[in-house]
Protein backbone atom coordinates (compact mmCIF):
# COMPACT_ATOMS: atom_id res chain seq x y z
CA UNK A 1 -1.91 48.60 -51.29
CA UNK A 2 -3.23 45.04 -51.09
CA UNK A 3 -3.13 44.79 -54.84
CA UNK A 4 0.52 45.80 -54.77
CA UNK A 5 1.25 42.90 -52.34
CA UNK A 6 -0.32 40.38 -54.74
CA UNK A 7 1.40 41.83 -57.80
CA UNK A 8 4.86 42.57 -56.37
CA UNK A 9 7.52 40.28 -57.80
CA UNK A 10 10.85 39.20 -56.32
CA UNK A 11 13.24 37.48 -58.74
CA UNK A 12 10.34 36.51 -60.91
CA UNK A 13 8.06 35.13 -58.17
CA UNK A 14 5.16 36.94 -56.62
CA UNK A 15 5.72 37.75 -52.94
CA UNK A 16 2.42 36.14 -51.92
CA UNK A 17 3.52 32.88 -53.57
CA UNK A 18 6.78 32.92 -51.61
CA UNK A 19 4.93 33.56 -48.32
CA UNK A 20 2.46 30.74 -49.08
CA UNK A 21 5.30 28.34 -49.93
CA UNK A 22 7.10 29.19 -46.63
CA UNK A 23 3.87 28.56 -44.66
CA UNK A 24 3.35 25.26 -46.48
CA UNK A 25 6.88 24.10 -45.65
CA UNK A 26 6.47 25.16 -41.98
CA UNK A 27 3.18 23.27 -41.71
CA UNK A 28 4.71 20.15 -43.31
CA UNK A 29 7.60 20.21 -40.83
CA UNK A 30 5.20 20.67 -37.90
CA UNK A 31 3.06 17.71 -38.99
CA UNK A 32 6.18 15.59 -39.51
CA UNK A 33 7.47 16.43 -36.00
CA UNK A 34 4.06 15.66 -34.46
CA UNK A 35 3.97 12.34 -36.30
CA UNK A 36 7.48 11.49 -35.09
CA UNK A 37 6.60 12.24 -31.47
CA UNK A 38 3.38 10.22 -31.78
CA UNK A 39 5.38 7.28 -33.15
CA UNK A 40 7.78 7.44 -30.22
CA UNK A 41 4.87 7.51 -27.78
CA UNK A 42 3.23 4.58 -29.55
CA UNK A 43 6.43 2.51 -29.41
CA UNK A 44 6.76 3.30 -25.70
CA UNK A 45 3.13 2.25 -25.12
CA UNK A 46 3.75 -1.00 -27.04
CA UNK A 47 6.85 -1.69 -24.93
CA UNK A 48 4.87 -1.15 -21.71
CA UNK A 49 2.03 -3.36 -23.01
CA UNK A 50 4.53 -6.16 -23.71
CA UNK A 51 5.90 -5.82 -20.17
CA UNK A 52 2.36 -6.00 -18.76
CA UNK A 53 1.64 -9.18 -20.72
CA UNK A 54 4.94 -10.71 -19.55
CA UNK A 55 4.15 -9.83 -15.92
CA UNK A 56 0.65 -11.31 -16.23
CA UNK A 57 2.16 -14.54 -17.58
CA UNK A 58 4.62 -14.57 -14.68
CA UNK A 59 1.76 -14.04 -12.20
CA UNK A 60 -0.16 -16.97 -13.70
CA UNK A 61 2.98 -19.13 -13.50
CA UNK A 62 3.56 -18.19 -9.85
CA UNK A 63 -0.09 -18.84 -8.98
CA UNK A 64 0.18 -22.30 -10.54
CA UNK A 65 3.38 -22.95 -8.58
CA UNK A 66 1.73 -21.86 -5.31
CA UNK A 67 -1.25 -24.12 -6.03
CA UNK A 68 1.13 -27.03 -6.59
CA UNK A 69 3.14 -26.31 -3.44
CA UNK A 70 0.01 -26.00 -1.26
CA UNK A 71 -1.51 -29.35 -2.26
CA UNK A 72 -2.52 -31.19 0.95
CA UNK A 73 -1.33 -34.58 -0.34
CA UNK A 74 2.10 -33.17 -1.16
CA UNK A 75 2.39 -31.45 2.22
CA UNK A 76 1.36 -34.61 4.06
CA UNK A 77 3.94 -36.67 2.15
CA UNK A 78 6.70 -34.13 2.87
CA UNK A 79 5.82 -33.93 6.57
CA UNK A 80 5.94 -37.71 6.91
CA UNK A 81 9.19 -38.15 4.94
CA UNK A 82 11.25 -35.22 6.15
CA UNK A 83 9.87 -34.45 9.63
CA UNK A 84 8.50 -37.83 10.63
CA UNK A 85 5.10 -36.33 11.40
CA UNK A 86 1.80 -38.19 11.27
CA UNK A 87 -1.86 -37.24 11.72
CA UNK A 88 -3.08 -37.20 15.32
CA UNK A 89 -4.85 -40.28 16.59
CA UNK A 90 -7.88 -40.37 18.85
CA UNK A 91 -5.61 -41.34 21.77
CA UNK A 92 -3.68 -38.07 21.35
CA UNK A 93 -6.72 -35.82 21.57
CA UNK A 94 -7.41 -34.18 24.96
CA UNK A 95 -10.23 -32.04 26.22
CA UNK A 96 -9.56 -28.54 27.52
CA UNK A 97 -10.17 -29.58 31.14
CA UNK A 98 -7.59 -32.38 30.88
CA UNK A 99 -4.81 -30.21 29.43
CA UNK A 100 -2.97 -29.60 32.74
CA UNK A 101 -2.92 -33.34 33.51
CA UNK A 102 -1.67 -34.10 30.01
CA UNK A 103 1.13 -31.61 30.55
CA UNK A 104 2.05 -33.26 33.85
CA UNK A 105 1.02 -30.36 36.07
CA UNK A 106 -1.27 -30.64 39.10
CA UNK A 107 -4.81 -29.53 38.54
CA UNK A 108 -5.86 -26.58 40.69
CA UNK A 109 -9.21 -25.03 39.96
CA UNK A 110 -9.05 -21.26 39.68
CA UNK A 111 -12.11 -19.16 40.33
CA UNK A 112 -11.57 -16.00 38.41
CA UNK A 113 -14.87 -14.35 39.30
CA UNK A 114 -14.42 -14.71 43.07
CA UNK A 115 -10.69 -14.09 43.28
CA UNK A 116 -9.88 -10.86 45.13
CA UNK A 117 -6.45 -9.34 45.05
CA UNK A 118 -5.69 -7.37 48.20
CA UNK A 119 -2.64 -5.36 49.03
CA UNK A 120 -0.64 -6.85 51.91
CA UNK A 121 -1.13 -5.15 55.26
CA UNK A 122 2.04 -3.88 56.93
CA UNK A 123 3.10 -5.82 60.00
CA UNK A 124 2.79 -4.27 63.43
CA UNK A 125 6.53 -3.65 63.78
CA UNK A 126 6.87 -2.04 60.29
CA UNK A 127 6.14 1.70 60.01
CA UNK A 128 3.30 2.68 57.70
CA UNK A 129 4.33 4.53 54.57
CA UNK A 130 2.92 8.02 54.41
CA UNK A 131 1.00 9.03 51.35
CA UNK A 132 2.76 11.76 49.37
CA UNK A 133 1.17 15.15 49.80
CA UNK A 134 0.35 17.35 46.88
CA UNK A 135 2.16 20.70 46.92
CA UNK A 136 0.00 23.58 48.06
CA UNK A 137 -0.64 26.27 45.46
CA UNK A 138 0.99 29.64 46.01
CA UNK A 139 -1.31 32.61 46.63
CA UNK A 140 -1.87 34.82 43.61
CA UNK A 141 0.29 37.93 43.44
CA UNK A 142 -1.39 41.23 42.63
CA UNK A 143 -0.63 42.60 39.19
CA UNK A 144 0.63 46.17 39.06
CA UNK A 145 -1.55 48.65 37.22
CA UNK A 146 -4.76 46.62 37.59
CA UNK A 147 -7.45 48.09 39.81
CA UNK A 148 -9.69 45.84 41.86
């Protein structure tokens, strides 16, 4: 039976040769499709890599711009020219204790540790407010069918 498969001829070709040729063509197509898909994936990876490099260059450019904008000399020059600001002098510095006087407010020492806050007592002619009473709980009702 196996010998007949190897020796059988169709239009002058052995059947086993035709089967082998069909398998060879199928394998070639499969490899070609796999190679095509791999090429597409590779081009997509290359495109993403180029975008990553471009974003990294943009990050470096933005970091350089931030470094330029945050230069103390530049900020000082801008504050003087546009806002009319200047560094503080020694005459403008004030201690913490002198802050209320510098603000023009009277100085009143406050003793936090000894301060006691008390609720005001009602006057003799005002009635005292009664404290609200909590509602009394209702007695438990016996459950039918339960023996005690």
